[in-house]
Every structure is written in structure tokens, then in C-alpha cells.
Amino acid sequence: MTRAEIPTPALLLDLDAFEANVAAMAGVVAAHGKGLRPHGKTHKCPEIARRLIHAGAVGACTARLSEAEVFAAHGVGGLLVTTAVVGEAKAARAAALARTAPDTIFVADDLAQVAVLAGAAAHAGITVRVAVDLYFGRTGVAPGAPALAVAAAIDGAPHLAFAGLQAYDATASHTRGGEARLARTTATMAQAVATRRLLEAHGIACPMVSAGSTGSYRFDAEIDGLTELQPGSFIFMDLEYASIGGPD
């Protein structure tokens, strides 16, 4: 069979480049003592997620609940759904997923979302892990006191377990120039780390601060207080990351 004969859609890889990229990212993150939870929205492929876990990843991020359901059905664990689950129907699906994959983490940025998730978890008779999504230009709740209020609601709900913070900064990932990108991600991640300390000062354990991206991972790996990075595009790369430049 030639490439022209392969039915589409199909994922075609330069296997040597893919494996080299995975090894490079895993090596950098491990050298800095952080976890690697690569984002699956780039590939949406359980086999690739499994290969990343084999290389040392602690799990996989997904942009959608439906992606997490597929990954879990194919044996991929350590899932983090990076956008909030909104509404009773999706909350029920989230609880069903948590029943079969109890280490799955969902995110919330609003007290109403927390209440709906808590109701779904109570109805299912299980505990659902939930993190607070911090706002850095995409979705989320503002760092500091607003995030504390959401975290306290999660921590106080009988059928929810507070999992930590998600601190993804999309703008930092695509800021042109190494110095400008370093300045951006250092500033926003400082707010995430400060929020973690605020939570802990109020008696809320915060075991996870998940952040980072392909564009900023070199800088984020150096930041104390972040526990894991969630880059995704690094496995394939594209011209965007050539255009914004590296640290030099």
C-alpha cells in the first residue's frame, strides 16, 4: 500500500522523529523533578497516549470529556480533562467516567459547576476528583481569593476531592521571542504558585499545579511550585514553534 491509498483520516508518523521528540521532552521534565501529563488534543490517539506513558508520563490531558471517555476505554489512565464540565448531563457522564477511571481529574472555575458535579457524584455514590482552573486569558477563575473560594467549595463537598490547580497560559505558549516568553510565563506562573500557597495557608492541601506547554516548557520546568507540565504539540511540532523561536 502507498500513502495515496491509505483511507483518510489517518495518522502518519515519522517514527524516528516522534520517538526523539518524546524522549527529549520526557528527559527535560524528569531532570527538573516534575511530572509530565501531555495534552492529547494534538493526537487524540490512545496508542500515542500509551507510548507517552511508557516514556514516563503520569497520564494524559484531554480537551473534552468525550476524548477522556475514549482514552479511558482504551486503558489510558491519569486523565485530566482541561476544560470545565458544564451542565447536569455532562456531570453525570463525568461521574460515570470517574467510576471506571477513579484517578481522572476534572476542572471547575465556578461555584455552580462545583455544585452540579457534587450532585452528580453524590447520585453515583462515588468521589470525583476536581481541580480549579485558573484564568490566564482562556478559561478559569482569577488566581488568589476567587480561586480560593472555588477550591474551598470543592474541598468541602462530601463527594468531591480537591486535586489541585490547573494553570495553563495559552498566551505564554505563543509569545514570540525567548525573553518575552520567559517574562510572560514567569509572571503568570508566579500567580499560580502564590495561589497554591494561599490555599495551603487556609488548610487546603494542593498536591498538583499542572501548567506549561510546548512553547514554554523550557522555562516552566525551572519554576518551583509547579508539579507537572502538560505540553502536547511537541510530539509532532509545527511551523508555529519554529517561528516563535527558542530560548536563545
Protein backbone atom coordinates (compact mmCIF):
# COMPACT_ATOMS: atom_id res chain seq x y z
CA MET A 1 0.00 0.00 0.00
CA THR A 2 1.22 3.50 -0.82
CA ARG A 3 0.41 6.60 1.18
CA ALA A 4 -2.01 7.67 -1.53
CA GLU A 5 -4.06 4.52 -0.92
CA ILE A 6 -4.50 4.97 2.84
CA PRO A 7 -8.09 5.93 3.71
CA THR A 8 -8.44 9.26 5.47
CA PRO A 9 -8.45 10.40 8.16
CA ALA A 10 -5.25 8.60 9.07
CA LEU A 11 -2.33 9.46 11.33
CA LEU A 12 1.03 9.09 9.58
CA LEU A 13 4.19 9.49 11.64
CA ASP A 14 7.88 9.84 11.05
CA LEU A 15 8.52 7.33 13.82
CA ASP A 16 12.14 8.31 14.43
CA ALA A 17 11.25 11.99 14.84
CA PHE A 18 8.28 11.17 17.06
CA GLU A 19 10.32 8.96 19.37
CA ALA A 20 13.13 11.53 19.54
CA ASN A 21 10.68 14.29 20.47
CA VAL A 22 9.10 12.16 23.19
CA ALA A 23 12.48 11.22 24.63
CA ALA A 24 13.66 14.84 24.61
CA MET A 25 10.60 16.20 26.41
CA ALA A 26 10.47 13.36 28.94
CA GLY A 27 14.16 13.88 29.67
CA VAL A 28 13.86 17.62 30.32
CA VAL A 29 10.80 17.30 32.54
CA ALA A 30 12.23 14.40 34.55
CA ALA A 31 15.55 16.21 35.02
CA HIS A 32 13.67 19.04 36.72
CA GLY A 33 11.72 16.70 39.00
CA LYS A 34 8.29 17.40 37.55
CA GLY A 35 5.56 15.15 36.18
CA LEU A 36 4.66 15.02 32.50
CA ARG A 37 0.98 14.86 31.57
CA PRO A 38 0.99 15.53 27.81
CA HIS A 39 -2.09 17.00 26.19
CA GLY A 40 -3.94 14.54 23.97
CA LYS A 41 -5.81 17.14 21.89
CA THR A 42 -2.86 17.11 19.48
CA HIS A 43 -3.22 13.44 18.54
CA LYS A 44 -6.48 12.06 20.05
CA CYS A 45 -4.90 8.62 19.74
CA PRO A 46 -4.86 6.11 22.63
CA GLU A 47 -1.82 4.32 21.22
CA ILE A 48 0.22 7.51 21.29
CA ALA A 49 -1.01 8.25 24.82
CA ARG A 50 0.14 4.79 25.91
CA ARG A 51 3.56 5.35 24.33
CA LEU A 52 3.93 8.65 26.17
CA ILE A 53 3.06 6.94 29.46
CA HIS A 54 5.60 4.22 28.67
CA ALA A 55 8.17 7.01 28.25
CA GLY A 56 7.39 8.28 31.76
CA ALA A 57 4.24 10.41 31.50
CA VAL A 58 1.91 10.28 34.51
CA GLY A 59 -1.16 10.31 32.29
CA ALA A 60 -2.78 12.41 29.59
CA CYS A 61 -4.72 15.65 29.33
CA THR A 62 -7.80 15.88 27.16
CA ALA A 63 -9.64 18.96 25.97
CA ARG A 64 -13.06 17.31 26.05
CA LEU A 65 -14.93 14.83 28.20
CA SER A 66 -15.57 12.72 25.10
CA GLU A 67 -11.81 12.39 24.48
CA ALA A 68 -11.28 11.27 28.07
CA GLU A 69 -14.01 8.66 27.69
CA VAL A 70 -12.29 7.18 24.65
CA PHE A 71 -8.85 7.22 26.27
CA ALA A 72 -10.18 5.53 29.41
CA ALA A 73 -11.96 2.89 27.33
CA HIS A 74 -8.58 2.03 25.79
CA GLY A 75 -6.80 1.71 29.14
CA VAL A 76 -5.19 5.15 29.37
CA GLY A 77 -5.12 6.34 32.99
CA GLY A 78 -4.13 9.51 34.79
CA LEU A 79 -6.56 11.64 32.78
CA LEU A 80 -7.03 15.38 33.29
CA VAL A 81 -9.95 16.97 31.43
CA THR A 82 -8.70 20.52 30.94
CA THR A 83 -12.00 22.29 30.25
CA ALA A 84 -14.85 22.53 32.71
CA VAL A 85 -17.67 20.00 32.59
CA VAL A 86 -20.82 22.13 32.38
CA GLY A 87 -24.41 21.02 32.92
CA GLU A 88 -26.09 18.08 34.60
CA ALA A 89 -25.86 15.72 31.62
CA LYS A 90 -22.11 16.07 31.30
CA ALA A 91 -21.66 15.98 35.04
CA ALA A 92 -23.42 12.61 35.06
CA ARG A 93 -21.06 11.42 32.32
CA ALA A 94 -18.10 12.69 34.33
CA ALA A 95 -19.28 10.73 37.37
CA ALA A 96 -19.70 7.62 35.23
CA LEU A 97 -16.15 8.06 33.92
CA ALA A 98 -14.84 8.54 37.45
CA ARG A 99 -16.48 5.27 38.45
CA THR A 100 -14.47 3.33 35.85
CA ALA A 101 -11.36 5.55 35.95
CA PRO A 102 -11.25 6.94 39.51
CA ASP A 103 -7.94 8.79 39.04
CA THR A 104 -9.50 11.06 36.40
CA ILE A 105 -9.38 14.77 37.30
CA PHE A 106 -11.94 17.32 36.13
CA VAL A 107 -11.69 21.10 36.42
CA ALA A 108 -14.09 23.79 37.58
CA ASP A 109 -13.95 27.57 37.69
CA ASP A 110 -17.38 28.39 39.12
CA LEU A 111 -19.32 27.60 42.27
CA ALA A 112 -22.36 26.47 40.27
CA GLN A 113 -20.22 23.96 38.38
CA VAL A 114 -18.93 22.61 41.68
CA ALA A 115 -22.47 22.14 42.98
CA VAL A 116 -23.57 20.28 39.85
CA LEU A 117 -20.52 18.00 39.93
CA ALA A 118 -21.08 17.33 43.63
CA GLY A 119 -24.68 16.39 42.94
CA ALA A 120 -23.71 14.00 40.16
CA ALA A 121 -21.03 12.40 42.33
CA ALA A 122 -23.48 12.00 45.22
CA HIS A 123 -26.08 10.44 42.94
CA ALA A 124 -23.46 7.97 41.68
CA GLY A 125 -22.26 7.27 45.21
CA ILE A 126 -18.62 7.96 44.37
CA THR A 127 -15.91 10.57 44.91
CA VAL A 128 -14.90 12.71 41.93
CA ARG A 129 -11.54 14.50 41.80
CA VAL A 130 -11.78 18.17 40.80
CA ALA A 131 -9.13 20.86 40.27
CA VAL A 132 -9.57 24.61 39.98
CA ASP A 133 -8.89 26.08 36.54
CA LEU A 134 -7.04 29.40 36.84
CA TYR A 135 -7.70 32.18 34.35
CA PHE A 136 -4.75 33.31 32.24
CA GLY A 137 -6.56 34.50 29.14
CA ARG A 138 -8.57 31.42 28.18
CA THR A 139 -10.94 29.91 30.75
CA GLY A 140 -10.88 29.76 34.52
CA VAL A 141 -11.28 31.77 37.70
CA ALA A 142 -8.91 34.55 38.72
CA PRO A 143 -5.94 33.49 40.85
CA GLY A 144 -5.94 34.40 44.52
CA ALA A 145 -9.10 34.85 46.56
CA PRO A 146 -11.57 33.95 43.76
CA ALA A 147 -9.75 30.65 43.20
CA LEU A 148 -9.67 30.04 46.94
CA ALA A 149 -13.47 30.30 47.09
CA VAL A 150 -13.90 27.64 44.40
CA ALA A 151 -11.26 25.39 45.94
CA ALA A 152 -12.94 25.66 49.35
CA ALA A 153 -16.27 24.64 47.83
CA ILE A 154 -14.67 21.59 46.22
CA ASP A 155 -12.79 20.69 49.39
CA GLY A 156 -15.98 20.97 51.46
CA ALA A 157 -18.22 18.91 49.18
CA PRO A 158 -18.74 15.38 50.59
CA HIS A 159 -18.41 13.60 47.25
CA LEU A 160 -15.65 15.72 45.72
CA ALA A 161 -11.90 15.60 46.34
CA PHE A 162 -9.78 18.68 45.67
CA ALA A 163 -6.99 17.70 43.27
CA GLY A 164 -5.10 20.96 42.82
CA LEU A 165 -4.76 23.75 40.26
CA GLN A 166 -4.60 23.95 36.51
CA ALA A 167 -2.58 26.95 35.36
CA TYR A 168 -2.39 26.82 31.58
CA ASP A 169 -1.32 30.08 29.91
CA ALA A 170 -2.04 29.88 26.17
CA THR A 171 -0.58 33.32 25.50
CA ALA A 172 2.77 32.37 27.03
CA SER A 173 2.95 29.35 24.76
CA HIS A 174 2.85 31.52 21.65
CA THR A 175 4.69 34.67 22.75
CA ARG A 176 7.39 35.49 20.20
CA GLY A 177 10.96 35.72 21.44
CA GLY A 178 12.53 33.78 24.26
CA GLU A 179 12.95 36.69 26.67
CA ALA A 180 9.38 37.93 26.22
CA ARG A 181 8.02 34.39 26.64
CA LEU A 182 10.11 33.87 29.78
CA ALA A 183 8.78 37.12 31.25
CA ARG A 184 5.17 36.22 30.46
CA THR A 185 5.21 32.69 31.85
CA THR A 186 7.26 33.67 34.90
CA ALA A 187 4.68 36.33 35.80
CA THR A 188 1.61 34.18 35.34
CA MET A 189 3.06 31.08 36.96
CA ALA A 190 4.07 33.18 39.96
CA GLN A 191 0.36 33.89 40.43
CA ALA A 192 -0.40 30.17 40.25
CA VAL A 193 2.25 29.32 42.83
CA ALA A 194 1.04 32.14 45.08
CA THR A 195 -2.49 30.75 44.83
CA ARG A 196 -1.24 27.34 45.87
CA ARG A 197 0.36 28.90 48.94
CA LEU A 198 -2.84 30.78 49.72
CA LEU A 199 -4.85 27.57 49.62
CA GLU A 200 -2.38 25.78 51.86
CA ALA A 201 -2.43 28.70 54.30
CA HIS A 202 -6.18 28.14 54.57
CA GLY A 203 -5.73 24.44 55.28
CA ILE A 204 -6.47 23.16 51.76
CA ALA A 205 -3.82 20.73 50.54
CA CYS A 206 -2.86 21.44 46.93
CA PRO A 207 -0.90 18.46 45.59
CA MET A 208 -0.99 19.46 41.91
CA VAL A 209 -0.20 22.57 39.91
CA SER A 210 -0.47 21.49 36.28
CA ALA A 211 0.84 24.02 33.77
CA GLY A 212 3.14 24.53 30.83
CA SER A 213 3.03 24.00 27.11
CA THR A 214 5.25 23.18 24.18
CA GLY A 215 6.10 26.86 23.76
CA SER A 216 7.02 27.49 27.39
CA TYR A 217 8.11 24.14 28.82
CA ARG A 218 11.82 25.01 29.00
CA PHE A 219 11.03 27.95 31.26
CA ASP A 220 8.21 26.34 33.22
CA ALA A 221 10.42 23.37 34.07
CA GLU A 222 12.58 25.77 36.11
CA ILE A 223 9.72 27.23 38.17
CA ASP A 224 9.45 25.98 41.74
CA GLY A 225 5.90 25.20 42.81
CA LEU A 226 4.70 23.74 39.52
CA THR A 227 4.32 19.99 39.90
CA GLU A 228 3.71 18.90 36.30
CA LEU A 229 3.76 20.11 32.71
CA GLN A 230 1.13 19.43 30.04
CA PRO A 231 2.70 20.18 26.62
CA GLY A 232 1.08 18.48 23.64
CA SER A 233 2.30 19.75 20.27
CA PHE A 234 5.90 18.71 20.92
CA ILE A 235 5.23 15.18 19.69
CA PHE A 236 4.64 16.40 16.12
CA MET A 237 5.74 20.07 16.18
CA ASP A 238 4.71 22.59 13.55
CA LEU A 239 5.95 25.81 11.99
CA GLU A 240 4.40 27.93 14.76
CA TYR A 241 7.10 26.81 17.20
CA ALA A 242 9.87 27.48 14.72
CA SER A 243 8.54 30.99 14.17
CA ILE A 244 8.38 31.99 17.85
CA GLY A 245 11.96 30.87 18.48
CA GLY A 246 13.72 29.07 21.31
CA PRO A 247 15.35 30.41 24.49
CA ASP A 248 18.33 31.82 22.54
